[in-house]
Amino acid sequence: MRTQIAALAAGALAATALSLPAQAAPAKVRFRAPVYVDSTLAGSEGFVLYSPVSKKLVYATHEGTTLLYRGGVTGGPVGTGGFVGNYRNQVNMWTSGDTGRTWDRLDFHGTGFFTDPAVNTGFSDPDLTTDSAGTVYGSGISLVNDALFSSRDGGVTWPTGTVQCHEGDRPWLAGGRPGEVFLSTDSSTEGHIIVRSTDYGATCSSTSSKAEGDGFYGYGKIFLDPKNGSLYQPAQIGKGLGVIELPHAQAAFDSGNPPPFTPHLAVRQTTFNTFWTAVMAIDSAGTIYLVWTTDDRDPKATSGCNGAASPVANSVMLVTSTNGGRAWSAPRVVAHPGTTVAWPWVIAGDKGEADVAWYQYDRVADLDCAPDAAALRVKNARISGLTTGRVTQQDSDVLGRPMHYGQLCISGTACVATGKDRRLGEFFTLAPDARGCVMVATGDTTRTDPLTGGPLPTARPLFTVQTAGRSLTGKDCSVTAASVKAPVAVPPLPGPVTLPPPGNGSLAATGLPWALPALGLLLLAVGARRRRAGMLHG
């Protein structure tokens, strides 16, 4: 596999170079200096979107209960106290009216809850989407429930929802007609399914469509293609990957008996070094983009975690389909930097226009046992012409600095109990702003506790947006850059955080602060028995 991947990378890069015609270089893609959305609340697995209804940005993140870093809990008392004092058993939510330069926490009638807890309960697994009328939908779970809630005024108020759209885990959302939203979930009784709400999230359908089958399983964010009405989700299919499809999804649910999803294989065999094996997007013409990062190993060496085969430099890969997943392009190497890359995300705009971002170490490292000094950055590739053969790609360092050092624990909620670092969760996301310029929502772990100088127990939400170069819809992103005066930017740090020696504040085996609300602990215990293979990803 190592030889095959290397050959594939070299061949794809050579073919790309030969295909590029002589043309004027596009304006360089650049991003604004990043800002912290919040200096206290947790901020991993975040989503951001632009609402044309309110003209605001909406940002949602995992509250952090299952992303706590045990070393941060013991070494960061101020940060730990802030986490406990702000805990609401809801995903964290903010809005911004100045293109993301400053952010305001949502506050439900001065209670400290972000939205009405009667319709929104669940600390993890946020997602955001909109329907065709601009209604914003959000999700959250407590490991035993899928909460679904909505805002018809662009994220300002969230009056409608249900704390139990369905029993399940890791919901993903896709908006449809006004008042309509689809939700995928891993049900402990029904398997991987899709349900639907047609009343702005107040209730969800009792009928569902099966999103798994013989040799395939849907993973990750779902998409409704407005061109053909199909609902899609990335999927692991055998030893490869592709997408699964529910054709004419709205009519299928209207019938009261939606059929199961159908798989479409894109790549017959590959490897993955992420839990969410692949991520997809759909452009305005219906082109599907599928990205993933490979898990390349040297079987003759055993320097991987726990004596596993040694990791070698891996790649960010991309395939496309212009006919609903029935035929696919050859795999394209988006990045092969000679180090370790992980957790890619992709968004799309006009036909053939896509943006791919990923986390990139400064060395080859096994994610679960990367050395403390291993620096992680957000990298980005702006790709044009993917459906025309006139392909251009611009790479950039999004933040201009590392946003994390050390391991990315991949053991689910077991990371908390064993004291490993899972503060970044398992993904970060991109979204287009009002002009189609790329927004980035990522966690950041480089801030330290003001009392001890040790690591904080949770990541902090970080935001930036493209402010130069061409947007995904052909606009000039520099126009957005000049619209509002910038505040003080996030200061770079000189190096990795040093963990102070353990003291008398050692925790029990859960790795959670003793003051964590009892409800959260109960839900963790219940959910721990539910995840496939005993691994939680909440």
Protein backbone atom coordinates (compact mmCIF):
# COMPACT_ATOMS: atom_id res chain seq x y z
CA MET A 1 0.00 0.00 0.00
CA ARG A 2 2.89 2.39 0.81
CA THR A 3 4.34 1.95 -2.70
CA GLN A 4 0.91 2.28 -4.32
CA ILE A 5 0.13 5.52 -2.52
CA ALA A 6 3.53 7.02 -3.37
CA ALA A 7 3.11 6.10 -7.02
CA LEU A 8 -0.41 7.48 -7.04
CA ALA A 9 0.77 10.77 -5.52
CA ALA A 10 3.62 11.16 -8.02
CA GLY A 11 1.45 10.27 -11.00
CA ALA A 12 -1.39 12.53 -10.01
CA LEU A 13 0.91 15.48 -9.40
CA ALA A 14 2.67 14.98 -12.71
CA ALA A 15 -0.62 14.73 -14.58
CA THR A 16 -1.85 17.91 -12.90
CA ALA A 17 1.26 19.82 -13.89
CA LEU A 18 0.97 18.75 -17.53
CA SER A 19 -2.71 19.72 -17.69
CA LEU A 20 -2.27 23.32 -16.52
CA PRO A 21 -2.55 25.82 -19.40
CA ALA A 22 -0.66 29.10 -19.45
CA GLN A 23 -2.83 31.74 -17.77
CA ALA A 24 -2.63 34.67 -15.39
CA ALA A 25 -2.07 33.66 -11.81
CA PRO A 26 -5.17 34.21 -9.65
CA ALA A 27 -5.00 36.52 -6.66
CA LYS A 28 -3.35 34.79 -3.71
CA VAL A 29 -5.71 33.26 -1.16
CA ARG A 30 -5.13 34.64 2.33
CA PHE A 31 -6.98 34.48 5.64
CA ARG A 32 -7.61 37.11 8.29
CA ALA A 33 -5.72 36.93 11.60
CA PRO A 34 -7.71 34.44 13.71
CA VAL A 35 -9.78 35.47 16.73
CA TYR A 36 -11.03 33.46 19.67
CA VAL A 37 -14.80 33.21 19.59
CA ASP A 38 -14.76 32.80 23.37
CA SER A 39 -11.92 32.81 25.91
CA THR A 40 -13.71 30.58 28.43
CA LEU A 41 -16.06 28.12 26.72
CA ALA A 42 -15.00 24.96 24.91
CA GLY A 43 -14.73 25.09 21.14
CA SER A 44 -14.02 21.86 19.27
CA GLU A 45 -16.01 20.07 16.55
CA GLY A 46 -17.44 23.48 15.70
CA PHE A 47 -19.65 24.66 12.87
CA VAL A 48 -20.12 28.18 11.53
CA LEU A 49 -22.61 29.43 8.94
CA TYR A 50 -23.82 32.70 7.47
CA SER A 51 -27.53 33.50 7.78
CA PRO A 52 -29.00 35.62 4.95
CA VAL A 53 -32.02 36.24 7.20
CA SER A 54 -30.19 38.02 10.04
CA LYS A 55 -26.97 38.81 8.14
CA LYS A 56 -25.16 37.27 11.10
CA LEU A 57 -22.74 34.40 11.53
CA VAL A 58 -23.81 31.54 13.82
CA TYR A 59 -21.19 29.37 15.54
CA ALA A 60 -21.81 26.15 17.54
CA THR A 61 -19.35 23.85 19.32
CA HIS A 62 -19.16 20.76 21.52
CA GLU A 63 -19.49 21.85 25.17
CA GLY A 64 -16.50 19.72 26.04
CA THR A 65 -17.77 17.12 28.52
CA THR A 66 -16.30 14.18 26.60
CA LEU A 67 -13.38 16.22 25.24
CA LEU A 68 -11.82 17.07 28.59
CA TYR A 69 -8.06 16.71 28.89
CA ARG A 70 -7.20 15.10 32.20
CA GLY A 71 -3.86 16.90 32.32
CA GLY A 72 -5.69 20.17 31.83
CA VAL A 73 -8.13 19.41 34.62
CA THR A 74 -5.31 18.76 37.07
CA GLY A 75 -3.05 21.53 35.82
CA GLY A 76 -5.52 24.31 34.99
CA PRO A 77 -7.73 25.17 37.98
CA VAL A 78 -8.96 28.47 36.55
CA GLY A 79 -9.93 26.84 33.27
CA THR A 80 -11.53 23.91 35.05
CA GLY A 81 -13.56 26.24 37.25
CA GLY A 82 -14.70 28.15 34.19
CA PHE A 83 -15.79 24.93 32.53
CA VAL A 84 -17.80 23.74 35.53
CA GLY A 85 -19.34 27.16 36.19
CA ASN A 86 -20.53 27.51 32.60
CA TYR A 87 -21.73 23.94 32.08
CA ARG A 88 -25.33 23.88 30.78
CA ASN A 89 -25.65 20.47 29.07
CA GLN A 90 -26.10 22.26 25.76
CA VAL A 91 -23.83 22.80 22.78
CA ASN A 92 -22.14 26.22 22.99
CA MET A 93 -23.54 28.86 20.61
CA TRP A 94 -22.61 32.39 19.53
CA THR A 95 -23.52 34.95 16.85
CA SER A 96 -21.50 37.69 15.15
CA GLY A 97 -22.76 40.75 13.31
CA ASP A 98 -19.35 41.99 12.11
CA THR A 99 -18.12 39.17 9.87
CA GLY A 100 -16.70 37.21 12.80
CA ARG A 101 -14.43 39.82 14.34
CA THR A 102 -16.37 39.81 17.62
CA TRP A 103 -18.84 37.27 19.00
CA ASP A 104 -21.76 37.27 21.46
CA ARG A 105 -22.89 34.24 23.43
CA LEU A 106 -26.51 33.31 23.02
CA ASP A 107 -28.31 33.77 26.35
CA PHE A 108 -31.82 32.48 26.95
CA HIS A 109 -33.55 35.18 29.02
CA GLY A 110 -30.49 35.74 31.19
CA THR A 111 -30.34 32.14 32.42
CA GLY A 112 -26.92 31.29 31.00
CA PHE A 113 -28.51 28.65 28.78
CA PHE A 114 -27.87 29.28 25.12
CA THR A 115 -31.37 28.31 24.02
CA ASP A 116 -34.53 27.03 25.70
CA PRO A 117 -33.52 23.85 27.58
CA ALA A 118 -37.06 22.53 27.08
CA VAL A 119 -36.24 22.02 23.38
CA ASN A 120 -32.45 21.69 23.44
CA THR A 121 -30.58 19.36 25.77
CA GLY A 122 -27.26 17.78 24.87
CA PHE A 123 -23.63 18.82 25.34
CA SER A 124 -22.06 17.27 22.25
CA ASP A 125 -22.26 16.56 18.51
CA PRO A 126 -23.36 19.93 17.13
CA ASP A 127 -24.27 20.45 13.51
CA LEU A 128 -25.73 23.45 11.70
CA THR A 129 -27.71 23.63 8.47
CA THR A 130 -30.36 25.79 6.79
CA ASP A 131 -33.50 25.06 4.80
CA SER A 132 -34.44 26.83 1.56
CA ALA A 133 -36.16 29.64 3.50
CA GLY A 134 -33.09 30.36 5.62
CA THR A 135 -34.25 28.65 8.83
CA VAL A 136 -31.19 27.60 10.83
CA TYR A 137 -31.22 24.16 12.48
CA GLY A 138 -28.93 22.89 15.21
CA SER A 139 -28.32 19.59 16.96
CA GLY A 140 -26.97 18.33 20.26
CA ILE A 141 -26.93 15.07 22.19
CA SER A 142 -26.44 13.70 25.69
CA LEU A 143 -25.45 10.25 24.38
CA VAL A 144 -29.04 9.04 24.76
CA ASN A 145 -30.97 11.65 22.78
CA ASP A 146 -30.77 13.56 19.50
CA ALA A 147 -31.96 17.11 20.16
CA LEU A 148 -33.11 19.16 17.13
CA PHE A 149 -33.92 22.87 17.32
CA SER A 150 -34.38 25.78 14.93
CA SER A 151 -34.27 29.55 14.46
CA ARG A 152 -36.36 31.38 11.87
CA ASP A 153 -34.71 34.74 12.56
CA GLY A 154 -31.18 33.77 11.57
CA GLY A 155 -29.85 32.47 14.87
CA VAL A 156 -31.14 35.24 17.17
CA THR A 157 -33.85 33.17 18.90
CA TRP A 158 -34.44 29.40 18.88
CA PRO A 159 -38.04 28.80 20.00
CA THR A 160 -38.77 25.51 18.23
CA GLY A 161 -37.36 22.03 18.75
CA THR A 162 -37.45 18.70 20.51
CA VAL A 163 -34.98 17.13 22.91
CA GLN A 164 -35.75 13.73 21.41
CA CYS A 165 -35.94 13.77 17.63
CA HIS A 166 -34.78 10.19 17.88
CA GLU A 167 -32.81 7.96 20.20
CA GLY A 168 -29.28 7.80 18.81
CA ASP A 169 -25.80 9.17 18.50
CA ARG A 170 -23.86 11.67 16.32
CA PRO A 171 -26.66 13.38 14.39
CA TRP A 172 -25.91 15.09 11.08
CA LEU A 173 -28.33 17.53 9.43
CA ALA A 174 -29.42 18.58 5.93
CA GLY A 175 -32.07 21.23 5.30
CA GLY A 176 -34.73 20.93 2.59
CA ARG A 177 -37.95 22.82 1.89
CA PRO A 178 -39.16 25.50 4.36
CA GLY A 179 -39.63 23.77 7.71
CA GLU A 180 -37.97 20.54 6.52
CA VAL A 181 -34.77 19.01 7.83
CA PHE A 182 -33.28 15.51 7.62
CA LEU A 183 -31.31 14.00 10.50
CA SER A 184 -29.02 10.96 10.41
CA THR A 185 -28.25 9.06 13.59
CA ASP A 186 -26.69 5.87 14.91
CA SER A 187 -29.59 4.25 16.72
CA SER A 188 -28.83 1.50 19.24
CA THR A 189 -32.00 -0.33 18.17
CA GLU A 190 -32.31 0.44 14.43
CA GLY A 191 -28.74 0.94 13.27
CA HIS A 192 -27.71 3.86 11.10
CA ILE A 193 -30.86 5.64 9.88
CA ILE A 194 -32.21 8.92 8.52
CA VAL A 195 -35.37 10.58 9.88
CA ARG A 196 -37.12 13.80 8.88
CA SER A 197 -38.89 16.77 10.46
CA THR A 198 -41.38 18.90 8.54
CA ASP A 199 -42.36 21.28 11.37
CA TYR A 200 -39.09 23.16 11.93
CA GLY A 201 -37.76 20.47 14.25
CA ALA A 202 -40.68 20.35 16.68
CA THR A 203 -41.18 16.64 15.94
CA CYS A 204 -39.49 13.99 13.83
CA SER A 205 -40.87 11.21 11.68
CA SER A 206 -41.54 7.77 13.10
CA THR A 207 -40.52 6.31 9.74
CA SER A 208 -36.88 6.17 8.71
CA SER A 209 -34.59 5.17 5.87
CA LYS A 210 -31.84 2.64 6.50
CA ALA A 211 -28.42 4.17 5.76
CA GLU A 212 -26.36 1.00 6.10
CA GLY A 213 -26.41 -2.37 4.41
CA ASP A 214 -24.40 -5.36 3.31
CA GLY A 215 -20.79 -4.16 3.24
CA PHE A 216 -21.44 -0.43 3.61
CA TYR A 217 -22.12 2.10 6.34
CA GLY A 218 -22.86 5.83 6.10
CA TYR A 219 -20.58 8.23 7.96
CA GLY A 220 -20.53 11.97 8.34
CA LYS A 221 -22.47 15.03 7.27
CA ILE A 222 -25.46 14.51 4.97
CA PHE A 223 -26.43 16.60 1.93
CA LEU A 224 -29.64 17.15 0.00
CA ASP A 225 -28.93 17.90 -3.67
CA PRO A 226 -31.47 20.53 -4.82
CA LYS A 227 -30.80 19.57 -8.44
CA ASN A 228 -32.08 15.99 -8.26
CA GLY A 229 -33.66 15.78 -4.79
CA SER A 230 -31.32 13.00 -3.66
CA LEU A 231 -30.01 12.75 -0.12
CA TYR A 232 -26.33 11.73 0.10
CA GLN A 233 -23.89 10.70 2.81
CA PRO A 234 -20.23 9.62 2.64
CA ALA A 235 -19.84 5.90 3.24
CA GLN A 236 -17.25 3.26 3.88
CA ILE A 237 -17.95 0.54 1.33
CA GLY A 238 -16.01 -2.68 1.83
CA LYS A 239 -12.33 -1.73 1.94
CA GLY A 240 -12.98 1.46 0.01
CA LEU A 241 -15.28 4.45 0.11
CA GLY A 242 -18.01 6.22 -1.79
CA VAL A 243 -21.42 7.70 -1.08
CA ILE A 244 -24.85 6.34 -0.30
CA GLU A 245 -27.95 7.84 -1.93
CA LEU A 246 -31.67 8.07 -1.23
CA PRO A 247 -33.14 9.24 -4.58
CA HIS A 248 -36.06 11.70 -4.46
CA ALA A 249 -35.72 11.79 -0.68
CA GLN A 250 -38.60 14.17 -0.03
CA ALA A 251 -41.05 12.13 -2.09
CA ALA A 252 -39.73 8.96 -0.46
CA PHE A 253 -40.53 10.26 3.01
CA ASP A 254 -43.83 11.75 1.81
CA SER A 255 -44.86 8.22 0.84
CA GLY A 256 -44.57 7.12 4.46
CA ASN A 257 -42.26 4.21 3.63
CA PRO A 258 -38.85 5.46 2.43
CA PRO A 259 -36.60 2.75 0.95
CA PRO A 260 -33.04 2.11 2.18
CA PHE A 261 -30.05 3.99 0.78
CA THR A 262 -28.11 2.71 -2.23
CA PRO A 263 -24.27 2.63 -2.21
CA HIS A 264 -22.09 4.07 -5.00
CA LEU A 265 -18.46 2.98 -4.85
CA ALA A 266 -15.85 5.65 -5.61
CA VAL A 267 -12.55 4.03 -4.56
CA ARG A 268 -12.31 0.25 -4.35
CA GLN A 269 -9.50 0.10 -1.79
CA THR A 270 -7.81 2.68 0.38
CA THR A 271 -6.90 3.43 4.00
CA PHE A 272 -8.04 6.10 6.46
CA ASN A 273 -6.41 7.67 9.51
CA THR A 274 -9.58 9.39 10.80
CA PHE A 275 -12.78 8.15 12.42
CA TRP A 276 -14.95 10.13 9.97
CA THR A 277 -13.40 8.27 7.09
CA ALA A 278 -14.45 10.72 4.36
CA VAL A 279 -16.14 14.11 4.02
CA MET A 280 -18.22 15.31 1.07
CA ALA A 281 -19.66 18.46 -0.49
CA ILE A 282 -21.90 19.26 -3.46
CA ASP A 283 -21.42 22.28 -5.75
CA SER A 284 -24.14 24.35 -7.46
CA ALA A 285 -24.10 22.06 -10.51
CA GLY A 286 -24.51 18.87 -8.46
CA THR A 287 -20.85 17.77 -8.57
CA ILE A 288 -19.98 15.61 -5.56
CA TYR A 289 -16.58 16.07 -3.89
CA LEU A 290 -15.23 13.36 -1.57
CA VAL A 291 -12.03 13.85 0.47
CA TRP A 292 -10.08 11.68 2.90
CA THR A 293 -6.61 11.18 4.37
CA THR A 294 -4.77 7.88 3.98
CA ASP A 295 -3.14 5.80 6.72
CA ASP A 296 0.17 4.79 5.17
CA ARG A 297 2.40 2.43 7.15
CA ASP A 298 5.71 0.63 6.85
CA PRO A 299 4.95 -2.99 7.84
CA LYS A 300 8.65 -3.70 8.35
CA ALA A 301 8.92 -1.25 11.27
CA THR A 302 7.01 -0.99 14.53
CA SER A 303 7.35 2.56 15.80
CA GLY A 304 3.60 3.19 15.74
CA CYS A 305 1.46 3.45 18.86
CA ASN A 306 1.61 0.29 21.00
CA GLY A 307 4.04 -1.38 18.59
CA ALA A 308 1.90 -0.87 15.49
CA ALA A 309 3.44 -0.57 12.03
CA SER A 310 5.33 2.69 11.61
CA PRO A 311 3.45 5.57 10.01
CA VAL A 312 4.94 7.12 6.88
CA ALA A 313 4.05 10.33 5.07
CA ASN A 314 0.41 10.19 3.97
CA SER A 315 -1.85 12.16 1.63
CA VAL A 316 -5.02 14.23 1.37
CA MET A 317 -7.05 12.68 -1.46
CA LEU A 318 -10.00 13.88 -3.56
CA VAL A 319 -12.40 12.29 -6.05
CA THR A 320 -15.36 13.88 -7.84
CA SER A 321 -18.55 12.71 -9.51
CA THR A 322 -20.73 14.70 -11.91
CA ASN A 323 -23.53 12.12 -12.18
CA GLY A 324 -24.69 11.49 -8.63
CA GLY A 325 -21.96 9.05 -7.66
CA ARG A 326 -22.40 6.57 -10.50
CA ALA A 327 -18.99 7.36 -12.00
CA TRP A 328 -15.96 9.00 -10.40
CA SER A 329 -12.79 10.79 -11.39
CA ALA A 330 -9.39 9.24 -10.75
CA PRO A 331 -8.14 10.03 -7.21
CA ARG A 332 -6.33 13.37 -7.04
CA VAL A 333 -3.59 14.08 -4.49
CA VAL A 334 -4.49 17.39 -2.87
CA ALA A 335 -1.52 17.33 -0.48
CA HIS A 336 1.43 15.06 0.21
CA PRO A 337 3.73 17.26 2.32
CA GLY A 338 6.03 14.51 3.55
CA THR A 339 4.53 14.70 7.05
CA THR A 340 1.27 13.44 8.61
CA VAL A 341 -2.05 14.98 7.56
CA ALA A 342 -5.47 14.28 9.06
CA TRP A 343 -9.09 15.38 9.46
CA PRO A 344 -9.85 16.92 6.05
CA TRP A 345 -12.99 18.95 5.33
CA VAL A 346 -14.36 20.18 1.99
CA ILE A 347 -16.90 22.75 0.81
CA ALA A 348 -17.95 23.70 -2.72
CA GLY A 349 -19.43 26.66 -4.58
CA ASP A 350 -19.86 27.24 -8.31
CA LYS A 351 -19.33 24.37 -10.73
CA GLY A 352 -15.84 22.93 -10.30
CA GLU A 353 -14.96 25.20 -7.37
CA ALA A 354 -13.96 23.56 -4.07
CA ASP A 355 -11.96 24.28 -0.96
CA VAL A 356 -10.24 21.58 1.10
CA ALA A 357 -8.63 22.06 4.51
CA TRP A 358 -6.85 19.65 6.82
CA TYR A 359 -4.69 19.40 9.94
CA GLN A 360 -0.98 18.96 9.21
CA TYR A 361 1.81 17.95 11.58
CA ASP A 362 5.36 19.25 11.17
CA ARG A 363 6.62 15.65 11.09
CA VAL A 364 5.47 12.08 10.50
CA ALA A 365 3.57 11.02 13.62
CA ASP A 366 1.06 8.46 14.78
CA LEU A 367 -1.93 10.56 15.86
CA ASP A 368 -2.63 8.76 19.15
CA CYS A 369 0.95 8.98 20.41
CA ALA A 370 2.43 12.01 18.64
CA PRO A 371 5.30 13.56 20.64
CA ASP A 372 4.52 16.59 22.81
CA ALA A 373 6.53 18.91 20.54
CA ALA A 374 4.73 17.86 17.32
CA ALA A 375 3.15 21.05 15.97
CA LEU A 376 -0.24 20.96 14.23
CA ARG A 377 -1.43 23.59 11.74
CA VAL A 378 -4.50 24.19 9.60
CA LYS A 379 -3.65 23.96 5.90
CA ASN A 380 -5.91 24.82 2.99
CA ALA A 381 -6.16 24.22 -0.76
CA ARG A 382 -8.36 26.39 -2.97
CA ILE A 383 -9.07 24.34 -6.11
CA SER A 384 -10.70 25.60 -9.31
CA GLY A 385 -11.65 24.00 -12.60
CA LEU A 386 -12.12 20.47 -11.33
CA THR A 387 -14.86 19.76 -13.87
CA THR A 388 -13.20 21.53 -16.82
CA GLY A 389 -9.67 20.09 -16.88
CA ARG A 390 -8.16 23.55 -16.31
CA VAL A 391 -7.31 22.84 -12.70
CA THR A 392 -5.54 25.35 -10.47
CA GLN A 393 -4.71 24.93 -6.80
CA GLN A 394 -3.51 27.43 -4.23
CA ASP A 395 -2.22 26.19 -0.88
CA SER A 396 -2.08 28.33 2.25
CA ASP A 397 -1.27 28.18 5.95
CA VAL A 398 -4.62 29.32 7.36
CA LEU A 399 -3.69 30.57 10.84
CA GLY A 400 -0.02 31.35 10.33
CA ARG A 401 0.88 29.40 13.47
CA PRO A 402 0.24 26.03 15.16
CA MET A 403 -3.06 25.65 17.01
CA HIS A 404 -2.11 22.44 18.86
CA TYR A 405 0.91 20.46 19.99
CA GLY A 406 1.14 16.74 20.68
CA GLN A 407 -1.25 13.84 20.29
CA LEU A 408 -4.73 13.65 18.76
CA CYS A 409 -6.28 10.91 20.86
CA ILE A 410 -8.47 8.63 18.74
CA SER A 411 -9.87 6.40 21.49
CA GLY A 412 -13.20 8.20 21.88
CA THR A 413 -14.30 9.04 25.42
CA ALA A 414 -11.74 6.55 26.72
CA CYS A 415 -9.27 9.40 26.12
CA VAL A 416 -10.70 11.21 29.14
CA ALA A 417 -10.37 8.22 31.45
CA THR A 418 -6.79 7.51 30.38
CA GLY A 419 -5.59 11.10 30.52
CA LYS A 420 -4.98 11.46 26.79
CA ASP A 421 -5.56 14.63 24.82
CA ARG A 422 -8.85 14.69 22.91
CA ARG A 423 -9.53 18.42 23.25
CA LEU A 424 -9.82 18.92 19.48
CA GLY A 425 -12.51 16.23 19.16
CA GLU A 426 -12.46 14.46 15.81
CA PHE A 427 -13.02 17.08 13.10
CA PHE A 428 -13.09 20.77 12.26
CA THR A 429 -15.16 22.49 9.56
CA LEU A 430 -15.36 25.04 6.76
CA ALA A 431 -18.30 27.08 5.46
CA PRO A 432 -18.86 29.82 2.84
CA ASP A 433 -19.71 33.33 3.99
CA ALA A 434 -22.11 35.71 2.22
CA ARG A 435 -19.71 36.13 -0.71
CA GLY A 436 -18.59 32.52 -0.91
CA CYS A 437 -15.32 33.25 0.91
CA VAL A 438 -14.09 30.40 3.11
CA MET A 439 -14.72 30.51 6.86
CA VAL A 440 -12.81 28.18 9.21
CA ALA A 441 -14.06 26.91 12.59
CA THR A 442 -11.40 25.05 14.56
CA GLY A 443 -10.48 24.33 18.14
CA ASP A 444 -7.25 25.74 19.59
CA THR A 445 -5.35 24.32 22.59
CA THR A 446 -2.46 26.76 22.83
CA ARG A 447 -3.90 28.97 25.57
CA THR A 448 -2.75 28.22 29.11
CA ASP A 449 -4.17 28.51 32.60
CA PRO A 450 -3.43 31.97 34.04
CA LEU A 451 -2.68 30.57 37.50
CA THR A 452 -0.41 27.61 36.74
CA GLY A 453 0.61 28.10 33.11
CA GLY A 454 -0.57 24.55 32.46
CA PRO A 455 -2.85 23.39 29.65
CA LEU A 456 -6.54 24.21 29.79
CA PRO A 457 -8.98 21.30 30.13
CA THR A 458 -10.77 22.14 26.87
CA ALA A 459 -9.90 23.72 23.54
CA ARG A 460 -11.07 27.23 22.71
CA PRO A 461 -13.09 28.07 19.58
CA LEU A 462 -11.10 29.85 16.89
CA PHE A 463 -12.42 31.62 13.79
CA THR A 464 -10.96 33.06 10.62
CA VAL A 465 -12.20 33.87 7.13
CA GLN A 466 -10.67 34.24 3.67
CA THR A 467 -9.87 37.91 3.01
CA ALA A 468 -7.97 37.78 -0.27
CA GLY A 469 -8.31 35.86 -3.50
CA ARG A 470 -11.33 34.59 -5.39
CA SER A 471 -14.27 33.14 -3.51
CA LEU A 472 -16.06 29.89 -4.31
CA THR A 473 -18.69 31.94 -6.16
CA GLY A 474 -16.34 34.21 -8.11
CA LYS A 475 -16.36 37.19 -5.74
CA ASP A 476 -13.38 39.22 -4.55
CA CYS A 477 -12.78 38.29 -0.90
CA SER A 478 -10.71 41.41 -0.24
CA VAL A 479 -13.95 43.43 -0.19
CA THR A 480 -15.02 41.58 2.96
CA ALA A 481 -11.62 42.13 4.53
CA ALA A 482 -11.93 45.90 4.59
CA SER A 483 -15.50 46.12 5.86
CA VAL A 484 -14.85 46.24 9.63
CA LYS A 485 -11.91 47.38 11.75
CA ALA A 486 -10.06 44.39 13.19
CA PRO A 487 -9.66 43.86 16.96
CA VAL A 488 -6.50 42.59 18.57
CA ALA A 489 -5.48 39.36 16.84
CA VAL A 490 -4.68 36.08 18.55
CA PRO A 491 -1.03 36.20 19.73
CA PRO A 492 1.17 33.35 18.54
CA LEU A 493 2.83 31.17 21.15
CA PRO A 494 6.53 30.25 21.04
CA GLY A 495 6.17 26.52 21.58
CA PRO A 496 4.22 23.61 23.02
CA VAL A 497 2.43 23.77 26.35
CA THR A 498 4.35 22.12 29.20
CA LEU A 499 2.28 20.00 31.55
CA PRO A 500 3.05 20.76 35.22
CA PRO A 501 3.85 17.81 37.49
CA PRO A 502 0.80 16.18 39.06
CA GLY A 503 -0.16 17.35 42.51
CA ASN A 504 -2.72 16.39 45.09
CA GLY A 505 -5.61 17.16 42.76
CA SER A 506 -5.47 13.83 40.94
CA LEU A 507 -8.79 12.64 39.59
CA ALA A 508 -10.64 9.39 39.72
CA ALA A 509 -10.55 7.03 36.74
CA THR A 510 -13.20 8.98 34.86
CA GLY A 511 -10.81 11.89 34.34
CA LEU A 512 -13.72 14.30 34.87
CA PRO A 513 -13.81 17.18 37.38
CA TRP A 514 -15.52 16.19 40.60
CA ALA A 515 -17.94 19.09 40.27
CA LEU A 516 -19.27 18.07 36.85
CA PRO A 517 -23.07 17.99 37.04
CA ALA A 518 -24.45 14.59 37.98
CA LEU A 519 -26.57 14.54 34.85
CA GLY A 520 -23.50 14.66 32.63
CA LEU A 521 -21.85 11.80 34.50
CA LEU A 522 -25.00 9.68 34.29
CA LEU A 523 -25.30 10.24 30.57
CA LEU A 524 -21.64 9.37 30.03
CA ALA A 525 -22.16 6.08 31.87
CA VAL A 526 -25.24 5.22 29.82
CA GLY A 527 -23.67 6.20 26.53
CA ALA A 528 -20.45 4.32 27.18
CA ARG A 529 -22.36 1.07 26.79
CA ARG A 530 -23.89 2.08 23.48
CA ARG A 531 -21.19 3.00 21.00
CA ARG A 532 -20.10 0.46 18.45
CA ALA A 533 -17.04 -1.55 19.56
CA GLY A 534 -17.21 0.16 22.94
CA MET A 535 -15.80 3.43 21.58
CA LEU A 536 -17.61 6.73 22.16
CA HIS A 537 -17.20 9.60 19.75
CA GLY A 538 -19.57 12.04 21.42
